[in-house]
């Protein structure tokens, strides 16, 4: 794949337009949703993290929506499949984001993580 065949940025929203994500590969991710409006990387404590991993699912970009301050924390992981632009200016596809909530510092019974699957277009 040549440089011209890869995407410069990605723009997603859920079916109700309650969440919007714009991602510029390796540079910036912008999130707007029920938790607030955030731009990553950020200089705010707890919001500076942006992890990018490659896996069999595609690229995974994880950001902190709610940092852990002696309570539950919330992360968002955007899954990006490889995309070939095929000479076009835009390509439409669906993907998902996983919202992961950690139960916090106090040990409780059961799962310590809960997941919400967010379908994106």
PDB file of N, CA and C in Angstrom:
ATOM      1  N   UNK A   1       0.846  -1.177   0.000  1.00  0.00           N
ATOM      2  CA  UNK A   1       0.000   0.000   0.000  1.00  0.00           C
ATOM      3  C   UNK A   1       0.891   1.238   0.000  1.00  0.00           C
ATOM      4  N   UNK A   2       0.653   2.147  -0.886  1.00  0.00           N
ATOM      5  CA  UNK A   2       1.426   3.376  -0.936  1.00  0.00           C
ATOM      6  C   UNK A   2       0.867   4.385   0.042  1.00  0.00           C
ATOM      7  N   UNK A   3       1.631   5.416   0.330  1.00  0.00           N
ATOM      8  CA  UNK A   3       1.186   6.454   1.268  1.00  0.00           C
ATOM      9  C   UNK A   3      -0.144   7.062   0.826  1.00  0.00           C
ATOM     10  N   UNK A   4      -0.345   7.227  -0.478  1.00  0.00           N
ATOM     11  CA  UNK A   4      -1.575   7.834  -0.983  1.00  0.00           C
ATOM     12  C   UNK A   4      -2.792   6.931  -0.749  1.00  0.00           C
ATOM     13  N   UNK A   5      -2.559   5.622  -0.529  1.00  0.00           N
ATOM     14  CA  UNK A   5      -3.659   4.692  -0.336  1.00  0.00           C
ATOM     15  C   UNK A   5      -4.090   4.573   1.119  1.00  0.00           C
ATOM     16  N   UNK A   6      -3.411   5.226   2.054  1.00  0.00           N
ATOM     17  CA  UNK A   6      -3.808   5.152   3.460  1.00  0.00           C
ATOM     18  C   UNK A   6      -4.578   6.413   3.854  1.00  0.00           C
ATOM     19  N   UNK A   7      -5.383   6.280   4.901  1.00  0.00           N
ATOM     20  CA  UNK A   7      -6.250   7.390   5.325  1.00  0.00           C
ATOM     21  C   UNK A   7      -5.466   8.443   6.092  1.00  0.00           C
ATOM     22  N   UNK A   8      -5.785   9.720   5.863  1.00  0.00           N
ATOM     23  CA  UNK A   8      -5.199  10.836   6.616  1.00  0.00           C
ATOM     24  C   UNK A   8      -5.873  10.986   7.971  1.00  0.00           C
ATOM     25  N   UNK A   9      -7.184  10.704   8.037  1.00  0.00           N
ATOM     26  CA  UNK A   9      -7.927  10.777   9.290  1.00  0.00           C
ATOM     27  C   UNK A   9      -9.176   9.922   9.176  1.00  0.00           C
ATOM     28  N   UNK A  10      -9.757   9.619  10.330  1.00  0.00           N
ATOM     29  CA  UNK A  10     -10.982   8.843  10.430  1.00  0.00           C
ATOM     30  C   UNK A  10     -11.992   9.670  11.211  1.00  0.00           C
ATOM     31  N   UNK A  11     -13.252   9.594  10.804  1.00  0.00           N
ATOM     32  CA  UNK A  11     -14.315  10.308  11.496  1.00  0.00           C
ATOM     33  C   UNK A  11     -15.489   9.344  11.682  1.00  0.00           C
ATOM     34  N   UNK A  12     -15.897   9.132  12.940  1.00  0.00           N
ATOM     35  CA  UNK A  12     -16.951   8.174  13.262  1.00  0.00           C
ATOM     36  C   UNK A  12     -18.003   8.812  14.148  1.00  0.00           C
ATOM     37  N   UNK A  13     -19.218   8.247  14.088  1.00  0.00           N
ATOM     38  CA  UNK A  13     -20.258   8.593  15.049  1.00  0.00           C
ATOM     39  C   UNK A  13     -21.107   7.352  15.264  1.00  0.00           C
ATOM     40  N   UNK A  14     -21.794   7.318  16.419  1.00  0.00           N
ATOM     41  CA  UNK A  14     -22.701   6.206  16.665  1.00  0.00           C
ATOM     42  C   UNK A  14     -24.035   6.495  15.978  1.00  0.00           C
ATOM     43  N   UNK A  15     -24.957   5.545  16.042  1.00  0.00           N
ATOM     44  CA  UNK A  15     -26.232   5.665  15.321  1.00  0.00           C
ATOM     45  C   UNK A  15     -27.057   6.863  15.762  1.00  0.00           C
ATOM     46  N   UNK A  16     -26.919   7.280  17.032  1.00  0.00           N
ATOM     47  CA  UNK A  16     -27.700   8.411  17.550  1.00  0.00           C
ATOM     48  C   UNK A  16     -26.944   9.727  17.531  1.00  0.00           C
ATOM     49  N   UNK A  17     -25.726   9.723  17.018  1.00  0.00           N
ATOM     50  CA  UNK A  17     -24.850  10.905  17.034  1.00  0.00           C
ATOM     51  C   UNK A  17     -24.575  11.411  18.448  1.00  0.00           C
ATOM     52  N   UNK A  18     -24.636  10.522  19.449  1.00  0.00           N
ATOM     53  CA  UNK A  18     -24.320  10.929  20.817  1.00  0.00           C
ATOM     54  C   UNK A  18     -22.821  10.847  21.084  1.00  0.00           C
ATOM     55  N   UNK A  19     -22.110  10.057  20.271  1.00  0.00           N
ATOM     56  CA  UNK A  19     -20.651   9.957  20.377  1.00  0.00           C
ATOM     57  C   UNK A  19     -20.047  10.241  19.011  1.00  0.00           C
ATOM     58  N   UNK A  20     -19.007  11.050  19.031  1.00  0.00           N
ATOM     59  CA  UNK A  20     -18.264  11.351  17.801  1.00  0.00           C
ATOM     60  C   UNK A  20     -16.777  11.193  18.096  1.00  0.00           C
ATOM     61  N   UNK A  21     -16.088  10.529  17.191  1.00  0.00           N
ATOM     62  CA  UNK A  21     -14.652  10.306  17.339  1.00  0.00           C
ATOM     63  C   UNK A  21     -13.976  10.706  16.041  1.00  0.00           C
ATOM     64  N   UNK A  22     -12.944  11.523  16.140  1.00  0.00           N
ATOM     65  CA  UNK A  22     -12.102  11.858  14.994  1.00  0.00           C
ATOM     66  C   UNK A  22     -10.680  11.457  15.366  1.00  0.00           C
ATOM     67  N   UNK A  23     -10.040  10.699  14.486  1.00  0.00           N
ATOM     68  CA  UNK A  23      -8.700  10.185  14.767  1.00  0.00           C
ATOM     69  C   UNK A  23      -7.756  10.521  13.619  1.00  0.00           C
ATOM     70  N   UNK A  24      -6.663  11.181  13.954  1.00  0.00           N
ATOM     71  CA  UNK A  24      -5.576  11.460  13.020  1.00  0.00           C
ATOM     72  C   UNK A  24      -4.453  10.508  13.400  1.00  0.00           C
ATOM     73  N   UNK A  25      -4.162   9.485  12.567  1.00  0.00           N
ATOM     74  CA  UNK A  25      -3.218   8.432  12.950  1.00  0.00           C
ATOM     75  C   UNK A  25      -1.908   8.969  13.522  1.00  0.00           C
ATOM     76  N   UNK A  26      -1.550   8.405  14.669  1.00  0.00           N
ATOM     77  CA  UNK A  26      -0.300   8.676  15.385  1.00  0.00           C
ATOM     78  C   UNK A  26      -0.185  10.099  15.918  1.00  0.00           C
ATOM     79  N   UNK A  27      -1.227  10.930  15.746  1.00  0.00           N
ATOM     80  CA  UNK A  27      -1.130  12.332  16.136  1.00  0.00           C
ATOM     81  C   UNK A  27      -2.166  12.726  17.186  1.00  0.00           C
ATOM     82  N   UNK A  28      -3.452  12.487  16.900  1.00  0.00           N
ATOM     83  CA  UNK A  28      -4.496  13.047  17.761  1.00  0.00           C
ATOM     84  C   UNK A  28      -5.789  12.236  17.660  1.00  0.00           C
ATOM     85  N   UNK A  29      -6.491  12.160  18.779  1.00  0.00           N
ATOM     86  CA  UNK A  29      -7.826  11.587  18.803  1.00  0.00           C
ATOM     87  C   UNK A  29      -8.721  12.574  19.537  1.00  0.00           C
ATOM     88  N   UNK A  30      -9.880  12.851  18.955  1.00  0.00           N
ATOM     89  CA  UNK A  30     -10.858  13.741  19.581  1.00  0.00           C
ATOM     90  C   UNK A  30     -12.115  12.930  19.858  1.00  0.00           C
ATOM     91  N   UNK A  31     -12.613  13.031  21.092  1.00  0.00           N
ATOM     92  CA  UNK A  31     -13.806  12.294  21.513  1.00  0.00           C
ATOM     93  C   UNK A  31     -14.837  13.270  22.050  1.00  0.00           C
ATOM     94  N   UNK A  32     -16.090  13.090  21.622  1.00  0.00           N
ATOM     95  CA  UNK A  32     -17.194  13.860  22.167  1.00  0.00           C
ATOM     96  C   UNK A  32     -18.318  12.876  22.452  1.00  0.00           C
ATOM     97  N   UNK A  33     -18.761  12.845  23.719  1.00  0.00           N
ATOM     98  CA  UNK A  33     -19.809  11.912  24.096  1.00  0.00           C
ATOM     99  C   UNK A  33     -20.353  12.239  25.466  1.00  0.00           C
ATOM    100  N   UNK A  34     -21.101  11.303  26.056  1.00  0.00           N
ATOM    101  CA  UNK A  34     -21.726  11.544  27.363  1.00  0.00           C
ATOM    102  C   UNK A  34     -20.721  11.887  28.464  1.00  0.00           C
ATOM    103  N   UNK A  35     -19.492  11.414  28.342  1.00  0.00           N
ATOM    104  CA  UNK A  35     -18.471  11.676  29.361  1.00  0.00           C
ATOM    105  C   UNK A  35     -17.843  13.057  29.215  1.00  0.00           C
ATOM    106  N   UNK A  36     -18.034  13.706  28.078  1.00  0.00           N
ATOM    107  CA  UNK A  36     -17.465  15.023  27.843  1.00  0.00           C
ATOM    108  C   UNK A  36     -16.787  15.118  26.490  1.00  0.00           C
ATOM    109  N   UNK A  37     -16.050  16.191  26.295  1.00  0.00           N
ATOM    110  CA  UNK A  37     -15.298  16.445  25.060  1.00  0.00           C
ATOM    111  C   UNK A  37     -13.821  16.456  25.406  1.00  0.00           C
ATOM    112  N   UNK A  38     -13.046  15.560  24.770  1.00  0.00           N
ATOM    113  CA  UNK A  38     -11.631  15.418  25.085  1.00  0.00           C
ATOM    114  C   UNK A  38     -10.809  15.366  23.805  1.00  0.00           C
ATOM    115  N   UNK A  39      -9.601  15.904  23.884  1.00  0.00           N
ATOM    116  CA  UNK A  39      -8.633  15.821  22.796  1.00  0.00           C
ATOM    117  C   UNK A  39      -7.387  15.169  23.365  1.00  0.00           C
ATOM    118  N   UNK A  40      -6.893  14.136  22.687  1.00  0.00           N
ATOM    119  CA  UNK A  40      -5.706  13.400  23.124  1.00  0.00           C
ATOM    120  C   UNK A  40      -4.610  13.545  22.088  1.00  0.00           C
ATOM    121  N   UNK A  41      -3.365  13.628  22.476  1.00  0.00           N
ATOM    122  CA  UNK A  41      -2.928  13.701  23.865  1.00  0.00           C
ATOM    123  C   UNK A  41      -3.318  15.035  24.485  1.00  0.00           C
ATOM    124  N   UNK A  42      -3.463  15.017  25.807  1.00  0.00           N
ATOM    125  CA  UNK A  42      -3.868  16.199  26.563  1.00  0.00           C
ATOM    126  C   UNK A  42      -2.861  16.448  27.666  1.00  0.00           C
ATOM    127  N   UNK A  43      -2.815  17.665  28.138  1.00  0.00           N
ATOM    128  CA  UNK A  43      -1.919  17.991  29.236  1.00  0.00           C
ATOM    129  C   UNK A  43      -2.635  17.932  30.581  1.00  0.00           C
ATOM    130  N   UNK A  44      -3.934  17.583  30.571  1.00  0.00           N
ATOM    131  CA  UNK A  44      -4.679  17.433  31.818  1.00  0.00           C
ATOM    132  C   UNK A  44      -4.254  16.140  32.502  1.00  0.00           C
ATOM    133  N   UNK A  45      -4.075  16.159  33.816  1.00  0.00           N
ATOM    134  CA  UNK A  45      -3.668  14.945  34.527  1.00  0.00           C
ATOM    135  C   UNK A  45      -4.643  13.792  34.287  1.00  0.00           C
ATOM    136  N   UNK A  46      -4.098  12.644  33.905  1.00  0.00           N
ATOM    137  CA  UNK A  46      -4.904  11.460  33.660  1.00  0.00           C
ATOM    138  C   UNK A  46      -5.422  11.318  32.246  1.00  0.00           C
ATOM    139  N   UNK A  47      -5.372  12.379  31.456  1.00  0.00           N
ATOM    140  CA  UNK A  47      -5.906  12.341  30.092  1.00  0.00           C
ATOM    141  C   UNK A  47      -4.819  12.337  29.020  1.00  0.00           C
ATOM    142  N   UNK A  48      -3.557  12.230  29.434  1.00  0.00           N
ATOM    143  CA  UNK A  48      -2.486  12.323  28.452  1.00  0.00           C
ATOM    144  C   UNK A  48      -2.238  11.017  27.710  1.00  0.00           C
ATOM    145  N   UNK A  49      -2.857   9.942  28.123  1.00  0.00           N
ATOM    146  CA  UNK A  49      -2.542   8.636  27.580  1.00  0.00           C
ATOM    147  C   UNK A  49      -3.238   8.368  26.249  1.00  0.00           C
ATOM    148  N   UNK A  50      -2.484   7.874  25.290  1.00  0.00           N
ATOM    149  CA  UNK A  50      -3.026   7.415  24.021  1.00  0.00           C
ATOM    150  C   UNK A  50      -2.191   6.222  23.600  1.00  0.00           C
ATOM    151  N   UNK A  51      -2.718   5.030  23.743  1.00  0.00           N
ATOM    152  CA  UNK A  51      -1.995   3.801  23.447  1.00  0.00           C
ATOM    153  C   UNK A  51      -2.427   3.318  22.072  1.00  0.00           C
ATOM    154  N   UNK A  52      -1.453   2.951  21.256  1.00  0.00           N
ATOM    155  CA  UNK A  52      -1.758   2.444  19.930  1.00  0.00           C
ATOM    156  C   UNK A  52      -1.083   1.098  19.764  1.00  0.00           C
ATOM    157  N   UNK A  53      -1.885   0.041  19.600  1.00  0.00           N
ATOM    158  CA  UNK A  53      -1.386  -1.318  19.441  1.00  0.00           C
ATOM    159  C   UNK A  53      -1.901  -1.889  18.138  1.00  0.00           C
ATOM    160  N   UNK A  54      -1.086  -2.742  17.532  1.00  0.00           N
ATOM    161  CA  UNK A  54      -1.504  -3.470  16.336  1.00  0.00           C
ATOM    162  C   UNK A  54      -1.778  -4.905  16.757  1.00  0.00           C
ATOM    163  N   UNK A  55      -2.925  -5.466  16.358  1.00  0.00           N
ATOM    164  CA  UNK A  55      -3.268  -6.837  16.712  1.00  0.00           C
ATOM    165  C   UNK A  55      -3.982  -7.482  15.531  1.00  0.00           C
ATOM    166  N   UNK A  56      -4.422  -8.718  15.736  1.00  0.00           N
ATOM    167  CA  UNK A  56      -5.168  -9.403  14.680  1.00  0.00           C
ATOM    168  C   UNK A  56      -6.519  -8.731  14.423  1.00  0.00           C
ATOM    169  N   UNK A  57      -6.971  -7.885  15.338  1.00  0.00           N
ATOM    170  CA  UNK A  57      -8.215  -7.132  15.149  1.00  0.00           C
ATOM    171  C   UNK A  57      -8.005  -5.854  14.345  1.00  0.00           C
ATOM    172  N   UNK A  58      -6.774  -5.460  14.145  1.00  0.00           N
ATOM    173  CA  UNK A  58      -6.437  -4.197  13.495  1.00  0.00           C
ATOM    174  C   UNK A  58      -5.740  -3.302  14.505  1.00  0.00           C
ATOM    175  N   UNK A  59      -5.690  -2.027  14.212  1.00  0.00           N
ATOM    176  CA  UNK A  59      -5.069  -1.081  15.144  1.00  0.00           C
ATOM    177  C   UNK A  59      -6.032  -0.790  16.280  1.00  0.00           C
ATOM    178  N   UNK A  60      -5.499  -0.745  17.501  1.00  0.00           N
ATOM    179  CA  UNK A  60      -6.289  -0.423  18.686  1.00  0.00           C
ATOM    180  C   UNK A  60      -5.743   0.869  19.276  1.00  0.00           C
ATOM    181  N   UNK A  61      -6.614   1.849  19.426  1.00  0.00           N
ATOM    182  CA  UNK A  61      -6.227   3.133  20.006  1.00  0.00           C
ATOM    183  C   UNK A  61      -7.033   3.297  21.295  1.00  0.00           C
ATOM    184  N   UNK A  62      -6.341   3.393  22.437  1.00  0.00           N
ATOM    185  CA  UNK A  62      -7.004   3.469  23.734  1.00  0.00           C
ATOM    186  C   UNK A  62      -6.719   4.804  24.401  1.00  0.00           C
ATOM    187  N   UNK A  63      -7.775   5.424  24.918  1.00  0.00           N
ATOM    188  CA  UNK A  63      -7.652   6.684  25.641  1.00  0.00           C
ATOM    189  C   UNK A  63      -8.420   6.573  26.958  1.00  0.00           C
ATOM    190  N   UNK A  64      -8.085   7.433  27.894  1.00  0.00           N
ATOM    191  CA  UNK A  64      -8.751   7.472  29.196  1.00  0.00           C
ATOM    192  C   UNK A  64      -9.888   8.498  29.132  1.00  0.00           C
ATOM    193  N   UNK A  65     -11.121   8.035  29.384  1.00  0.00           N
ATOM    194  CA  UNK A  65     -12.256   8.954  29.443  1.00  0.00           C
ATOM    195  C   UNK A  65     -12.470   9.479  30.856  1.00  0.00           C
ATOM    196  N   UNK A  66     -12.294   8.597  31.837  1.00  0.00           N
ATOM    197  CA  UNK A  66     -12.429   8.977  33.247  1.00  0.00           C
ATOM    198  C   UNK A  66     -11.234   8.379  33.984  1.00  0.00           C
ATOM    199  N   UNK A  67     -10.298   9.218  34.433  1.00  0.00           N
ATOM    200  CA  UNK A  67      -9.129   8.682  35.131  1.00  0.00           C
ATOM    201  C   UNK A  67      -9.501   8.139  36.508  1.00  0.00           C
ATOM    202  N   UNK A  68      -8.714   7.194  36.973  1.00  0.00           N
ATOM    203  CA  UNK A  68      -8.943   6.607  38.295  1.00  0.00           C
ATOM    204  C   UNK A  68      -8.450   7.556  39.371  1.00  0.00           C
ATOM    205  N   UNK A  69      -9.374   8.042  40.179  1.00  0.00           N
ATOM    206  CA  UNK A  69      -9.034   8.861  41.334  1.00  0.00           C
ATOM    207  C   UNK A  69      -9.763   8.210  42.506  1.00  0.00           C
ATOM    208  N   UNK A  70      -9.194   7.109  42.954  1.00  0.00           N
ATOM    209  CA  UNK A  70      -9.775   6.322  44.044  1.00  0.00           C
ATOM    210  C   UNK A  70     -11.198   5.869  43.741  1.00  0.00           C
ATOM    211  N   UNK A  71     -11.501   5.644  42.479  1.00  0.00           N
ATOM    212  CA  UNK A  71     -12.827   5.181  42.079  1.00  0.00           C
ATOM    213  C   UNK A  71     -12.750   4.508  40.725  1.00  0.00           C
ATOM    214  N   UNK A  72     -13.893   4.236  40.140  1.00  0.00           N
ATOM    215  CA  UNK A  72     -13.898   3.595  38.823  1.00  0.00           C
ATOM    216  C   UNK A  72     -13.223   4.459  37.756  1.00  0.00           C
ATOM    217  N   UNK A  73     -12.535   3.801  36.838  1.00  0.00           N
ATOM    218  CA  UNK A  73     -11.950   4.491  35.696  1.00  0.00           C
ATOM    219  C   UNK A  73     -12.616   3.966  34.429  1.00  0.00           C
ATOM    220  N   UNK A  74     -12.591   4.789  33.371  1.00  0.00           N
ATOM    221  CA  UNK A  74     -13.229   4.416  32.115  1.00  0.00           C
ATOM    222  C   UNK A  74     -12.248   4.673  30.978  1.00  0.00           C
ATOM    223  N   UNK A  75     -11.998   3.644  30.164  1.00  0.00           N
ATOM    224  CA  UNK A  75     -11.164   3.757  28.972  1.00  0.00           C
ATOM    225  C   UNK A  75     -12.019   3.519  27.740  1.00  0.00           C
ATOM    226  N   UNK A  76     -11.571   4.024  26.610  1.00  0.00           N
ATOM    227  CA  UNK A  76     -12.226   3.781  25.331  1.00  0.00           C
ATOM    228  C   UNK A  76     -11.177   3.256  24.367  1.00  0.00           C
ATOM    229  N   UNK A  77     -11.470   2.110  23.745  1.00  0.00           N
ATOM    230  CA  UNK A  77     -10.567   1.535  22.745  1.00  0.00           C
ATOM    231  C   UNK A  77     -11.269   1.520  21.404  1.00  0.00           C
ATOM    232  N   UNK A  78     -10.710   2.233  20.456  1.00  0.00           N
ATOM    233  CA  UNK A  78     -11.216   2.295  19.087  1.00  0.00           C
ATOM    234  C   UNK A  78     -10.503   1.221  18.274  1.00  0.00           C
ATOM    235  N   UNK A  79     -11.268   0.381  17.556  1.00  0.00           N
ATOM    236  CA  UNK A  79     -10.688  -0.641  16.693  1.00  0.00           C
ATOM    237  C   UNK A  79     -10.731  -0.163  15.251  1.00  0.00           C
ATOM    238  N   UNK A  80      -9.562  -0.124  14.619  1.00  0.00           N
ATOM    239  CA  UNK A  80      -9.458   0.335  13.235  1.00  0.00           C
ATOM    240  C   UNK A  80      -8.925  -0.783  12.347  1.00  0.00           C
ATOM    241  N   UNK A  81      -9.742  -1.264  11.416  1.00  0.00           N
ATOM    242  CA  UNK A  81      -9.240  -2.263  10.473  1.00  0.00           C
ATOM    243  C   UNK A  81      -8.332  -1.582   9.454  1.00  0.00           C
ATOM    244  N   UNK A  82      -7.451  -2.339   8.804  1.00  0.00           N
ATOM    245  CA  UNK A  82      -6.680  -1.740   7.711  1.00  0.00           C
ATOM    246  C   UNK A  82      -7.643  -1.246   6.625  1.00  0.00           C
ATOM    247  N   UNK A  83      -7.359  -0.081   6.069  1.00  0.00           N
ATOM    248  CA  UNK A  83      -8.228   0.521   5.053  1.00  0.00           C
ATOM    249  C   UNK A  83      -7.382   0.909   3.847  1.00  0.00           C
ATOM    250  N   UNK A  84      -7.825   0.499   2.662  1.00  0.00           N
ATOM    251  CA  UNK A  84      -7.192   0.918   1.419  1.00  0.00           C
ATOM    252  C   UNK A  84      -8.105   1.961   0.788  1.00  0.00           C
ATOM    253  N   UNK A  85      -7.594   3.154   0.602  1.00  0.00           N
ATOM    254  CA  UNK A  85      -8.398   4.238   0.050  1.00  0.00           C
ATOM    255  C   UNK A  85      -8.706   4.035  -1.435  1.00  0.00           C
ATOM    256  N   UNK A  86      -7.945   3.186  -2.124  1.00  0.00           N
ATOM    257  CA  UNK A  86      -8.192   2.839  -3.528  1.00  0.00           C
ATOM    258  C   UNK A  86      -8.341   4.074  -4.414  1.00  0.00           C
ATOM    259  N   UNK A  87      -7.567   5.116  -4.115  1.00  0.00           N
ATOM    260  CA  UNK A  87      -7.580   6.320  -4.919  1.00  0.00           C
ATOM    261  C   UNK A  87      -8.738   7.263  -4.641  1.00  0.00           C
ATOM    262  N   UNK A  88      -9.602   6.923  -3.709  1.00  0.00           N
ATOM    263  CA  UNK A  88     -10.751   7.770  -3.392  1.00  0.00           C
ATOM    264  C   UNK A  88     -10.419   8.707  -2.233  1.00  0.00           C
ATOM    265  N   UNK A  89     -11.229   9.760  -2.065  1.00  0.00           N
ATOM    266  CA  UNK A  89     -11.021  10.717  -0.981  1.00  0.00           C
ATOM    267  C   UNK A  89     -11.623  10.248   0.329  1.00  0.00           C
ATOM    268  N   UNK A  90     -12.619   9.342   0.257  1.00  0.00           N
ATOM    269  CA  UNK A  90     -13.189   8.797   1.483  1.00  0.00           C
ATOM    270  C   UNK A  90     -13.700   7.391   1.235  1.00  0.00           C
ATOM    271  N   UNK A  91     -13.693   6.606   2.294  1.00  0.00           N
ATOM    272  CA  UNK A  91     -14.219   5.244   2.282  1.00  0.00           C
ATOM    273  C   UNK A  91     -15.148   5.106   3.484  1.00  0.00           C
ATOM    274  N   UNK A  92     -16.285   4.499   3.295  1.00  0.00           N
ATOM    275  CA  UNK A  92     -17.240   4.298   4.393  1.00  0.00           C
ATOM    276  C   UNK A  92     -17.118   2.869   4.894  1.00  0.00           C
ATOM    277  N   UNK A  93     -17.062   2.707   6.210  1.00  0.00           N
ATOM    278  CA  UNK A  93     -17.042   1.375   6.825  1.00  0.00           C
ATOM    279  C   UNK A  93     -17.495   1.498   8.270  1.00  0.00           C
ATOM    280  N   UNK A  94     -17.897   0.368   8.835  1.00  0.00           N
ATOM    281  CA  UNK A  94     -18.323   0.303  10.223  1.00  0.00           C
ATOM    282  C   UNK A  94     -17.205  -0.296  11.059  1.00  0.00           C
ATOM    283  N   UNK A  95     -17.169   0.088  12.318  1.00  0.00           N
ATOM    284  CA  UNK A  95     -16.235  -0.488  13.271  1.00  0.00           C
ATOM    285  C   UNK A  95     -16.853  -0.393  14.657  1.00  0.00           C
ATOM    286  N   UNK A  96     -16.081  -0.715  15.669  1.00  0.00           N
ATOM    287  CA  UNK A  96     -16.576  -0.618  17.035  1.00  0.00           C
ATOM    288  C   UNK A  96     -15.554   0.064  17.926  1.00  0.00           C
ATOM    289  N   UNK A  97     -16.049   0.554  19.040  1.00  0.00           N
ATOM    290  CA  UNK A  97     -15.202   1.011  20.134  1.00  0.00           C
ATOM    291  C   UNK A  97     -15.678   0.259  21.367  1.00  0.00           C
ATOM    292  N   UNK A  98     -14.755  -0.055  22.249  1.00  0.00           N
ATOM    293  CA  UNK A  98     -15.089  -0.713  23.510  1.00  0.00           C
ATOM    294  C   UNK A  98     -14.881   0.265  24.648  1.00  0.00           C
ATOM    295  N   UNK A  99     -15.922   0.493  25.413  1.00  0.00           N
ATOM    296  CA  UNK A  99     -15.823   1.334  26.606  1.00  0.00           C
ATOM    297  C   UNK A  99     -15.638   0.382  27.777  1.00  0.00           C
ATOM    298  N   UNK A 100     -14.501   0.479  28.458  1.00  0.00           N
ATOM    299  CA  UNK A 100     -14.154  -0.423  29.546  1.00  0.00           C
ATOM    300  C   UNK A 100     -14.183   0.339  30.862  1.00  0.00           C
ATOM    301  N   UNK A 101     -14.984  -0.141  31.799  1.00  0.00           N
ATOM    302  CA  UNK A 101     -15.073   0.478  33.116  1.00  0.00           C
ATOM    303  C   UNK A 101     -14.434  -0.451  34.130  1.00  0.00           C
ATOM    304  N   UNK A 102     -13.464   0.082  34.878  1.00  0.00           N
ATOM    305  CA  UNK A 102     -12.786  -0.659  35.936  1.00  0.00           C
ATOM    306  C   UNK A 102     -13.516  -0.365  37.233  1.00  0.00           C
ATOM    307  N   UNK A 103     -13.797  -1.398  38.012  1.00  0.00           N
ATOM    308  CA  UNK A 103     -14.608  -1.236  39.220  1.00  0.00           C
ATOM    309  C   UNK A 103     -13.950  -0.385  40.299  1.00  0.00           C
ATOM    310  N   UNK A 104     -12.677  -0.102  40.181  1.00  0.00           N
ATOM    311  CA  UNK A 104     -12.019   0.780  41.146  1.00  0.00           C
ATOM    312  C   UNK A 104     -11.074   0.046  42.071  1.00  0.00           C
ATOM    313  N   UNK A 105     -10.614   0.764  43.076  1.00  0.00           N
ATOM    314  CA  UNK A 105      -9.594   0.261  43.977  1.00  0.00           C
ATOM    315  C   UNK A 105     -10.147  -0.708  45.028  1.00  0.00           C
ATOM    316  N   UNK A 106     -11.427  -0.592  45.373  1.00  0.00           N
ATOM    317  CA  UNK A 106     -12.006  -1.426  46.419  1.00  0.00           C
ATOM    318  C   UNK A 106     -12.305  -2.805  45.842  1.00  0.00           C
ATOM    319  N   UNK A 107     -11.705  -3.859  46.416  1.00  0.00           N
ATOM    320  CA  UNK A 107     -11.961  -5.195  45.893  1.00  0.00           C
ATOM    321  C   UNK A 107     -13.418  -5.608  46.102  1.00  0.00           C
ATOM    322  N   UNK A 108     -14.040  -6.072  45.033  1.00  0.00           N
ATOM    323  CA  UNK A 108     -15.416  -6.538  45.099  1.00  0.00           C
ATOM    324  C   UNK A 108     -15.478  -7.902  44.447  1.00  0.00           C
ATOM    325  N   UNK A 109     -16.553  -8.618  44.678  1.00  0.00           N
ATOM    326  CA  UNK A 109     -16.736  -9.898  44.021  1.00  0.00           C
ATOM    327  C   UNK A 109     -17.127  -9.702  42.574  1.00  0.00           C
ATOM    328  N   UNK A 110     -16.809 -10.684  41.759  1.00  0.00           N
ATOM    329  CA  UNK A 110     -17.190 -10.630  40.343  1.00  0.00           C
ATOM    330  C   UNK A 110     -16.131  -9.994  39.468  1.00  0.00           C
ATOM    331  N   UNK A 111     -16.523  -9.691  38.245  1.00  0.00           N
ATOM    332  CA  UNK A 111     -15.598  -9.129  37.254  1.00  0.00           C
ATOM    333  C   UNK A 111     -15.183  -7.719  37.652  1.00  0.00           C
ATOM    334  N   UNK A 112     -13.916  -7.407  37.453  1.00  0.00           N
ATOM    335  CA  UNK A 112     -13.400  -6.076  37.768  1.00  0.00           C
ATOM    336  C   UNK A 112     -13.554  -5.113  36.596  1.00  0.00           C
ATOM    337  N   UNK A 113     -13.820  -5.665  35.411  1.00  0.00           N
ATOM    338  CA  UNK A 113     -14.015  -4.838  34.223  1.00  0.00           C
ATOM    339  C   UNK A 113     -15.388  -5.120  33.638  1.00  0.00           C
ATOM    340  N   UNK A 114     -16.075  -4.065  33.184  1.00  0.00           N
ATOM    341  CA  UNK A 114     -17.297  -4.230  32.417  1.00  0.00           C
ATOM    342  C   UNK A 114     -17.092  -3.556  31.060  1.00  0.00           C
ATOM    343  N   UNK A 115     -17.776  -4.058  30.053  1.00  0.00           N
ATOM    344  CA  UNK A 115     -17.568  -3.601  28.686  1.00  0.00           C
ATOM    345  C   UNK A 115     -18.872  -3.126  28.057  1.00  0.00           C
ATOM    346  N   UNK A 116     -18.772  -2.062  27.289  1.00  0.00           N
ATOM    347  CA  UNK A 116     -19.878  -1.602  26.462  1.00  0.00           C
ATOM    348  C   UNK A 116     -19.362  -1.530  25.025  1.00  0.00           C
ATOM    349  N   UNK A 117     -20.039  -2.206  24.114  1.00  0.00           N
ATOM    350  CA  UNK A 117     -19.655  -2.189  22.704  1.00  0.00           C
ATOM    351  C   UNK A 117     -20.415  -1.053  22.021  1.00  0.00           C
ATOM    352  N   UNK A 118     -19.675  -0.168  21.373  1.00  0.00           N
ATOM    353  CA  UNK A 118     -20.263   0.981  20.689  1.00  0.00           C
ATOM    354  C   UNK A 118     -20.052   0.800  19.198  1.00  0.00           C
ATOM    355  N   UNK A 119     -21.132   0.688  18.442  1.00  0.00           N
ATOM    356  CA  UNK A 119     -21.054   0.530  16.986  1.00  0.00           C
ATOM    357  C   UNK A 119     -20.874   1.905  16.366  1.00  0.00           C
ATOM    358  N   UNK A 120     -19.897   2.010  15.478  1.00  0.00           N
ATOM    359  CA  UNK A 120     -19.569   3.287  14.835  1.00  0.00           C
ATOM    360  C   UNK A 120     -19.640   3.182  13.322  1.00  0.00           C
ATOM    361  N   UNK A 121     -20.081   4.269  12.686  1.00  0.00           N
ATOM    362  CA  UNK A 121     -20.082   4.365  11.231  1.00  0.00           C
ATOM    363  C   UNK A 121     -19.152   5.488  10.815  1.00  0.00           C
TER     364      UNK A 121
END
